[in-house]
């Protein structure tokens, strides 16, 4: 007997969908085409790496030696876009977002985002969703 229910997406499919949706979010709300966006889904979190995340105005300010101003602009942008990221992640994964932490390195133009999920994301895949180790920095 065959089930007519659609198969749930695999972890890889979810990660690709999230990457595409993050690129779309940057284009629509920041008018910026990023570099590569990598997403890694683990048992209770989503890690996102955005290459070339600095917008043209941020890069111009940075070129004019205003890193403090760029950091403030980036912080303000993060605050504004945070609710949109929460909506995006919750709609794709069907899980509540508990917390978001993000940091941009101005010298590389990369942004790292760690999103803590309410409970275990359970996409079907050949390999189990990784249980990640916690490392204390500092």
N, C-alpha and C. Protein backbone atom coordinates (compact mmCIF):
# COMPACT_ATOMS: atom_id res chain seq x y z
N UNK A 1 0.84 -1.17 0.00
CA UNK A 1 0.00 0.00 0.00
C UNK A 1 0.89 1.24 0.00
N UNK A 2 0.65 2.12 -0.92
CA UNK A 2 1.47 3.32 -1.05
C UNK A 2 0.76 4.52 -0.45
N UNK A 3 1.54 5.33 0.22
CA UNK A 3 0.98 6.54 0.83
C UNK A 3 1.01 7.68 -0.18
N UNK A 4 -0.05 8.46 -0.21
CA UNK A 4 -0.11 9.60 -1.10
C UNK A 4 0.42 10.87 -0.45
N UNK A 5 0.89 10.75 0.78
CA UNK A 5 1.42 11.92 1.47
C UNK A 5 2.78 12.28 0.89
N UNK A 6 3.04 13.58 0.71
CA UNK A 6 4.36 13.98 0.19
C UNK A 6 5.44 13.68 1.23
N UNK A 7 6.62 13.33 0.73
CA UNK A 7 7.74 13.06 1.63
C UNK A 7 8.22 14.37 2.24
N UNK A 8 8.59 14.35 3.51
CA UNK A 8 9.13 15.57 4.11
C UNK A 8 10.48 15.88 3.47
N UNK A 9 10.85 17.16 3.39
CA UNK A 9 12.13 17.52 2.77
C UNK A 9 13.31 16.99 3.58
N UNK A 10 14.39 16.69 2.89
CA UNK A 10 15.61 16.26 3.57
C UNK A 10 16.32 17.48 4.17
N UNK A 11 17.29 17.22 5.00
CA UNK A 11 18.06 18.31 5.59
C UNK A 11 18.74 19.13 4.49
N UNK A 12 19.31 18.45 3.50
CA UNK A 12 19.97 19.15 2.40
C UNK A 12 19.01 20.05 1.63
N UNK A 13 17.80 19.56 1.40
CA UNK A 13 16.80 20.38 0.71
C UNK A 13 16.44 21.61 1.54
N UNK A 14 16.28 21.42 2.85
CA UNK A 14 15.97 22.55 3.73
C UNK A 14 17.11 23.57 3.73
N UNK A 15 18.35 23.10 3.78
CA UNK A 15 19.50 24.00 3.78
C UNK A 15 19.57 24.80 2.47
N UNK A 16 19.30 24.14 1.34
CA UNK A 16 19.30 24.85 0.05
C UNK A 16 18.18 25.89 -0.01
N UNK A 17 17.00 25.50 0.45
CA UNK A 17 15.87 26.44 0.47
C UNK A 17 16.19 27.64 1.34
N UNK A 18 16.75 27.40 2.52
CA UNK A 18 17.11 28.50 3.42
C UNK A 18 18.15 29.41 2.77
N UNK A 19 19.17 28.85 2.13
CA UNK A 19 20.19 29.65 1.46
C UNK A 19 19.56 30.55 0.40
N UNK A 20 18.68 29.97 -0.41
CA UNK A 20 18.01 30.74 -1.46
C UNK A 20 17.14 31.84 -0.86
N UNK A 21 16.43 31.53 0.21
CA UNK A 21 15.55 32.52 0.84
C UNK A 21 16.35 33.64 1.51
N UNK A 22 17.51 33.32 2.07
CA UNK A 22 18.37 34.37 2.64
C UNK A 22 18.88 35.29 1.54
N UNK A 23 19.28 34.74 0.39
CA UNK A 23 19.71 35.58 -0.73
C UNK A 23 18.59 36.50 -1.18
N UNK A 24 17.40 35.95 -1.27
CA UNK A 24 16.23 36.74 -1.67
C UNK A 24 15.97 37.86 -0.66
N UNK A 25 16.08 37.55 0.63
CA UNK A 25 15.86 38.55 1.69
C UNK A 25 16.86 39.70 1.56
N UNK A 26 18.14 39.39 1.34
CA UNK A 26 19.15 40.44 1.17
C UNK A 26 18.85 41.29 -0.06
N UNK A 27 18.43 40.64 -1.16
CA UNK A 27 18.11 41.40 -2.38
C UNK A 27 16.91 42.31 -2.17
N UNK A 28 15.83 41.77 -1.60
CA UNK A 28 14.59 42.53 -1.46
C UNK A 28 14.68 43.64 -0.42
N UNK A 29 15.29 43.37 0.70
CA UNK A 29 15.24 44.33 1.80
C UNK A 29 16.49 45.20 1.94
N UNK A 30 17.62 44.74 1.41
CA UNK A 30 18.85 45.54 1.50
C UNK A 30 19.36 45.94 0.12
N UNK A 31 18.66 45.53 -0.94
CA UNK A 31 19.06 45.81 -2.31
C UNK A 31 20.52 45.42 -2.52
N UNK A 32 20.86 44.21 -2.06
CA UNK A 32 22.24 43.76 -2.10
C UNK A 32 22.31 42.30 -2.54
N UNK A 33 23.18 42.04 -3.52
CA UNK A 33 23.43 40.67 -3.95
C UNK A 33 24.66 40.17 -3.20
N UNK A 34 24.45 39.22 -2.32
CA UNK A 34 25.54 38.67 -1.52
C UNK A 34 26.36 37.69 -2.35
N UNK A 35 27.45 37.24 -1.75
CA UNK A 35 28.17 36.10 -2.30
C UNK A 35 27.46 34.84 -1.85
N UNK A 36 28.20 33.77 -1.76
CA UNK A 36 27.65 32.47 -1.36
C UNK A 36 27.05 32.54 0.04
N UNK A 37 25.92 31.88 0.22
CA UNK A 37 25.30 31.74 1.54
C UNK A 37 25.24 30.26 1.85
N UNK A 38 25.86 29.88 2.98
CA UNK A 38 25.88 28.48 3.42
C UNK A 38 25.03 28.34 4.66
N UNK A 39 24.19 27.33 4.68
CA UNK A 39 23.35 27.04 5.85
C UNK A 39 23.66 25.63 6.33
N UNK A 40 23.78 25.47 7.64
CA UNK A 40 23.96 24.14 8.22
C UNK A 40 22.96 23.97 9.36
N UNK A 41 22.11 22.99 9.19
CA UNK A 41 21.07 22.70 10.17
C UNK A 41 21.55 21.58 11.07
N UNK A 42 21.51 21.80 12.37
CA UNK A 42 21.86 20.74 13.33
C UNK A 42 20.67 20.49 14.23
N UNK A 43 20.87 19.76 15.29
CA UNK A 43 19.75 19.29 16.10
C UNK A 43 18.87 20.40 16.65
N UNK A 44 19.44 21.51 17.04
CA UNK A 44 18.61 22.58 17.62
C UNK A 44 19.05 23.97 17.19
N UNK A 45 19.82 24.04 16.10
CA UNK A 45 20.23 25.36 15.63
C UNK A 45 20.48 25.36 14.13
N UNK A 46 20.47 26.56 13.59
CA UNK A 46 20.80 26.79 12.19
C UNK A 46 21.95 27.77 12.17
N UNK A 47 23.01 27.41 11.45
CA UNK A 47 24.16 28.30 11.29
C UNK A 47 24.17 28.78 9.85
N UNK A 48 24.31 30.10 9.67
CA UNK A 48 24.30 30.70 8.34
C UNK A 48 25.58 31.52 8.18
N UNK A 49 26.30 31.31 7.08
CA UNK A 49 27.47 32.11 6.73
C UNK A 49 27.15 32.84 5.44
N UNK A 50 27.25 34.17 5.48
CA UNK A 50 26.96 34.99 4.31
C UNK A 50 28.27 35.62 3.84
N UNK A 51 28.70 35.26 2.63
CA UNK A 51 29.90 35.85 2.03
C UNK A 51 29.52 37.19 1.40
N UNK A 52 30.45 38.12 1.40
CA UNK A 52 30.23 39.44 0.78
C UNK A 52 28.92 40.07 1.25
N UNK A 53 28.77 40.16 2.55
CA UNK A 53 27.50 40.64 3.13
C UNK A 53 27.43 42.16 3.26
N UNK A 54 28.57 42.85 3.15
CA UNK A 54 28.54 44.31 3.29
C UNK A 54 27.86 44.95 2.09
N UNK A 55 26.93 45.86 2.37
CA UNK A 55 26.24 46.58 1.30
C UNK A 55 27.18 47.64 0.72
N UNK A 56 26.81 48.19 -0.42
CA UNK A 56 27.65 49.20 -1.06
C UNK A 56 27.86 50.42 -0.15
N UNK A 57 26.83 50.97 0.51
CA UNK A 57 27.07 52.09 1.42
C UNK A 57 28.01 51.73 2.58
N UNK A 58 27.87 50.51 3.12
CA UNK A 58 28.77 50.09 4.19
C UNK A 58 30.21 50.01 3.69
N UNK A 59 30.39 49.45 2.49
CA UNK A 59 31.74 49.33 1.93
C UNK A 59 32.33 50.72 1.67
N UNK A 60 31.53 51.66 1.20
CA UNK A 60 31.99 53.03 0.96
C UNK A 60 32.45 53.67 2.27
N UNK A 61 31.64 53.53 3.32
CA UNK A 61 32.02 54.07 4.63
C UNK A 61 33.30 53.42 5.14
N UNK A 62 33.43 52.12 4.94
CA UNK A 62 34.62 51.41 5.38
C UNK A 62 35.85 51.88 4.62
N UNK A 63 35.70 52.10 3.30
CA UNK A 63 36.81 52.59 2.48
C UNK A 63 37.26 53.97 2.91
N UNK A 64 36.34 54.75 3.46
CA UNK A 64 36.66 56.10 3.92
C UNK A 64 37.10 56.11 5.39
N UNK A 65 37.49 54.95 5.89
CA UNK A 65 38.03 54.81 7.25
C UNK A 65 37.03 55.17 8.34
N UNK A 66 35.82 54.65 8.24
CA UNK A 66 34.82 54.87 9.28
C UNK A 66 34.30 53.53 9.82
N UNK A 67 35.19 52.67 10.35
CA UNK A 67 34.72 51.36 10.81
C UNK A 67 33.70 51.44 11.94
N UNK A 68 33.83 52.44 12.82
CA UNK A 68 32.86 52.56 13.91
C UNK A 68 31.46 52.86 13.37
N UNK A 69 31.40 53.73 12.37
CA UNK A 69 30.11 54.06 11.76
C UNK A 69 29.53 52.84 11.04
N UNK A 70 30.39 52.09 10.34
CA UNK A 70 29.93 50.88 9.65
C UNK A 70 29.38 49.87 10.65
N UNK A 71 30.05 49.71 11.78
CA UNK A 71 29.57 48.79 12.81
C UNK A 71 28.21 49.22 13.34
N UNK A 72 28.00 50.53 13.49
CA UNK A 72 26.71 51.02 13.96
C UNK A 72 25.62 50.80 12.92
N UNK A 73 25.95 51.08 11.65
CA UNK A 73 24.99 50.85 10.56
C UNK A 73 24.63 49.37 10.49
N UNK A 74 25.63 48.51 10.58
CA UNK A 74 25.39 47.06 10.52
C UNK A 74 24.52 46.61 11.69
N UNK A 75 24.78 47.14 12.86
CA UNK A 75 23.98 46.80 14.04
C UNK A 75 22.52 47.22 13.84
N UNK A 76 22.32 48.42 13.30
CA UNK A 76 20.96 48.90 13.02
C UNK A 76 20.27 48.03 11.97
N UNK A 77 21.01 47.66 10.91
CA UNK A 77 20.44 46.78 9.88
C UNK A 77 20.06 45.43 10.47
N UNK A 78 20.94 44.89 11.32
CA UNK A 78 20.65 43.61 11.98
C UNK A 78 19.35 43.69 12.78
N UNK A 79 19.17 44.79 13.51
CA UNK A 79 17.96 44.96 14.32
C UNK A 79 16.70 45.01 13.46
N UNK A 80 16.80 45.67 12.31
CA UNK A 80 15.65 45.82 11.42
C UNK A 80 15.32 44.50 10.70
N UNK A 81 16.35 43.77 10.32
CA UNK A 81 16.12 42.56 9.52
C UNK A 81 15.85 41.32 10.38
N UNK A 82 16.15 41.40 11.67
CA UNK A 82 15.96 40.25 12.58
C UNK A 82 14.54 39.66 12.51
N UNK A 83 13.46 40.46 12.59
CA UNK A 83 12.11 39.87 12.50
C UNK A 83 11.86 39.17 11.17
N UNK A 84 12.46 39.67 10.09
CA UNK A 84 12.29 39.05 8.78
C UNK A 84 13.01 37.70 8.74
N UNK A 85 14.18 37.62 9.38
CA UNK A 85 14.91 36.35 9.46
C UNK A 85 14.10 35.34 10.27
N UNK A 86 13.54 35.78 11.37
CA UNK A 86 12.72 34.88 12.21
C UNK A 86 11.55 34.32 11.40
N UNK A 87 10.85 35.19 10.69
CA UNK A 87 9.72 34.75 9.86
C UNK A 87 10.17 33.77 8.80
N UNK A 88 11.28 34.07 8.13
CA UNK A 88 11.80 33.20 7.08
C UNK A 88 12.11 31.81 7.63
N UNK A 89 12.88 31.75 8.71
CA UNK A 89 13.30 30.46 9.28
C UNK A 89 12.11 29.67 9.80
N UNK A 90 11.21 30.33 10.51
CA UNK A 90 10.04 29.62 11.05
C UNK A 90 9.15 29.09 9.94
N UNK A 91 9.02 29.83 8.84
CA UNK A 91 8.16 29.36 7.75
C UNK A 91 8.77 28.18 7.01
N UNK A 92 10.10 28.17 6.84
CA UNK A 92 10.75 27.06 6.14
C UNK A 92 10.83 25.81 7.01
N UNK A 93 11.21 25.99 8.28
CA UNK A 93 11.45 24.83 9.16
C UNK A 93 10.22 24.41 9.97
N UNK A 94 9.26 25.31 10.12
CA UNK A 94 8.11 24.99 10.95
C UNK A 94 8.47 24.87 12.43
N UNK A 95 9.52 25.53 12.83
CA UNK A 95 10.00 25.52 14.22
C UNK A 95 10.13 26.96 14.70
N UNK A 96 9.85 27.19 15.98
CA UNK A 96 9.98 28.53 16.54
C UNK A 96 11.45 28.88 16.74
N UNK A 97 11.78 30.14 16.50
CA UNK A 97 13.13 30.65 16.74
C UNK A 97 13.18 31.19 18.17
N UNK A 98 14.15 30.71 18.94
CA UNK A 98 14.33 31.13 20.33
C UNK A 98 15.26 32.34 20.43
N UNK A 99 16.34 32.33 19.63
CA UNK A 99 17.34 33.39 19.72
C UNK A 99 18.10 33.47 18.41
N UNK A 100 18.62 34.66 18.13
CA UNK A 100 19.48 34.88 16.97
C UNK A 100 20.70 35.66 17.43
N UNK A 101 21.87 35.18 17.03
CA UNK A 101 23.12 35.89 17.29
C UNK A 101 23.80 36.08 15.95
N UNK A 102 24.28 37.29 15.69
CA UNK A 102 24.96 37.53 14.42
C UNK A 102 26.15 38.44 14.63
N UNK A 103 27.12 38.29 13.75
CA UNK A 103 28.33 39.10 13.80
C UNK A 103 28.87 39.23 12.39
N UNK A 104 29.32 40.43 12.04
CA UNK A 104 29.93 40.66 10.75
C UNK A 104 31.38 41.06 10.96
N UNK A 105 32.27 40.42 10.20
CA UNK A 105 33.69 40.78 10.23
C UNK A 105 33.93 41.74 9.07
N UNK A 106 34.26 42.98 9.39
CA UNK A 106 34.39 44.00 8.36
C UNK A 106 35.55 43.72 7.42
N UNK A 107 36.64 43.14 7.91
CA UNK A 107 37.80 42.90 7.05
C UNK A 107 37.54 41.83 5.99
N UNK A 108 36.67 40.87 6.28
CA UNK A 108 36.36 39.82 5.30
C UNK A 108 35.01 40.02 4.62
N UNK A 109 34.15 40.83 5.23
CA UNK A 109 32.82 41.03 4.67
C UNK A 109 31.88 39.86 4.91
N UNK A 110 32.26 38.95 5.80
CA UNK A 110 31.41 37.80 6.11
C UNK A 110 30.54 38.08 7.31
N UNK A 111 29.32 37.54 7.25
CA UNK A 111 28.41 37.59 8.39
C UNK A 111 28.11 36.16 8.81
N UNK A 112 28.20 35.92 10.11
CA UNK A 112 27.81 34.64 10.68
C UNK A 112 26.56 34.83 11.51
N UNK A 113 25.60 33.95 11.32
CA UNK A 113 24.34 34.02 12.05
C UNK A 113 24.08 32.65 12.67
N UNK A 114 23.84 32.63 13.98
CA UNK A 114 23.47 31.40 14.66
C UNK A 114 22.03 31.58 15.15
N UNK A 115 21.17 30.68 14.74
CA UNK A 115 19.76 30.74 15.08
C UNK A 115 19.42 29.53 15.94
N UNK A 116 18.97 29.78 17.16
CA UNK A 116 18.61 28.71 18.08
C UNK A 116 17.12 28.40 17.88
N UNK A 117 16.83 27.12 17.66
CA UNK A 117 15.46 26.68 17.39
C UNK A 117 14.81 26.12 18.64
N UNK A 118 13.49 26.17 18.66
CA UNK A 118 12.72 25.73 19.83
C UNK A 118 12.99 24.28 20.19
N UNK A 119 12.95 23.40 19.23
CA UNK A 119 13.26 22.00 19.51
C UNK A 119 13.90 21.39 18.28
N UNK A 120 14.24 20.16 18.38
CA UNK A 120 15.00 19.47 17.33
C UNK A 120 14.32 19.58 15.96
N UNK A 121 15.09 20.06 15.00
CA UNK A 121 14.63 20.04 13.61
C UNK A 121 14.78 18.60 13.14
N UNK A 122 13.77 18.07 12.50
CA UNK A 122 13.78 16.65 12.17
C UNK A 122 13.65 16.37 10.68
N UNK A 123 14.51 16.97 9.84
CA UNK A 123 14.43 16.63 8.43
C UNK A 123 14.94 15.22 8.18
N UNK A 124 14.36 14.57 7.20
CA UNK A 124 14.76 13.21 6.85
C UNK A 124 16.01 13.28 5.98
N UNK A 125 17.00 12.49 6.30
CA UNK A 125 18.23 12.47 5.53
C UNK A 125 18.93 11.15 5.80
N UNK A 126 19.87 10.79 4.94
CA UNK A 126 20.61 9.55 5.15
C UNK A 126 21.51 9.67 6.39
N UNK A 127 22.05 10.84 6.61
CA UNK A 127 22.91 11.04 7.78
C UNK A 127 22.11 11.76 8.85
N UNK A 128 22.35 11.42 10.11
CA UNK A 128 21.59 12.07 11.18
C UNK A 128 21.97 13.53 11.31
N UNK A 129 21.03 14.32 11.81
CA UNK A 129 21.32 15.71 12.10
C UNK A 129 22.36 15.74 13.20
N UNK A 130 23.45 16.47 12.97
CA UNK A 130 24.59 16.46 13.89
C UNK A 130 24.23 17.06 15.24
N UNK A 131 24.71 16.43 16.28
CA UNK A 131 24.68 17.03 17.60
C UNK A 131 26.00 17.78 17.73
N UNK A 132 25.93 19.08 17.90
CA UNK A 132 27.15 19.88 17.89
C UNK A 132 27.69 20.07 19.28
N UNK A 133 29.00 20.18 19.37
CA UNK A 133 29.66 20.44 20.65
C UNK A 133 29.65 21.93 20.91
N UNK A 134 29.56 22.30 22.17
CA UNK A 134 29.60 23.70 22.55
C UNK A 134 31.02 24.05 22.96
N UNK A 135 31.56 25.12 22.38
CA UNK A 135 32.91 25.56 22.69
C UNK A 135 32.83 26.95 23.27
N UNK A 136 33.48 27.16 24.38
CA UNK A 136 33.51 28.47 25.02
C UNK A 136 34.69 29.25 24.46
N UNK A 137 34.43 30.43 23.92
CA UNK A 137 35.49 31.29 23.41
C UNK A 137 35.80 32.35 24.43
N UNK A 138 37.04 32.46 24.79
CA UNK A 138 37.40 33.54 25.70
C UNK A 138 37.77 33.08 26.99
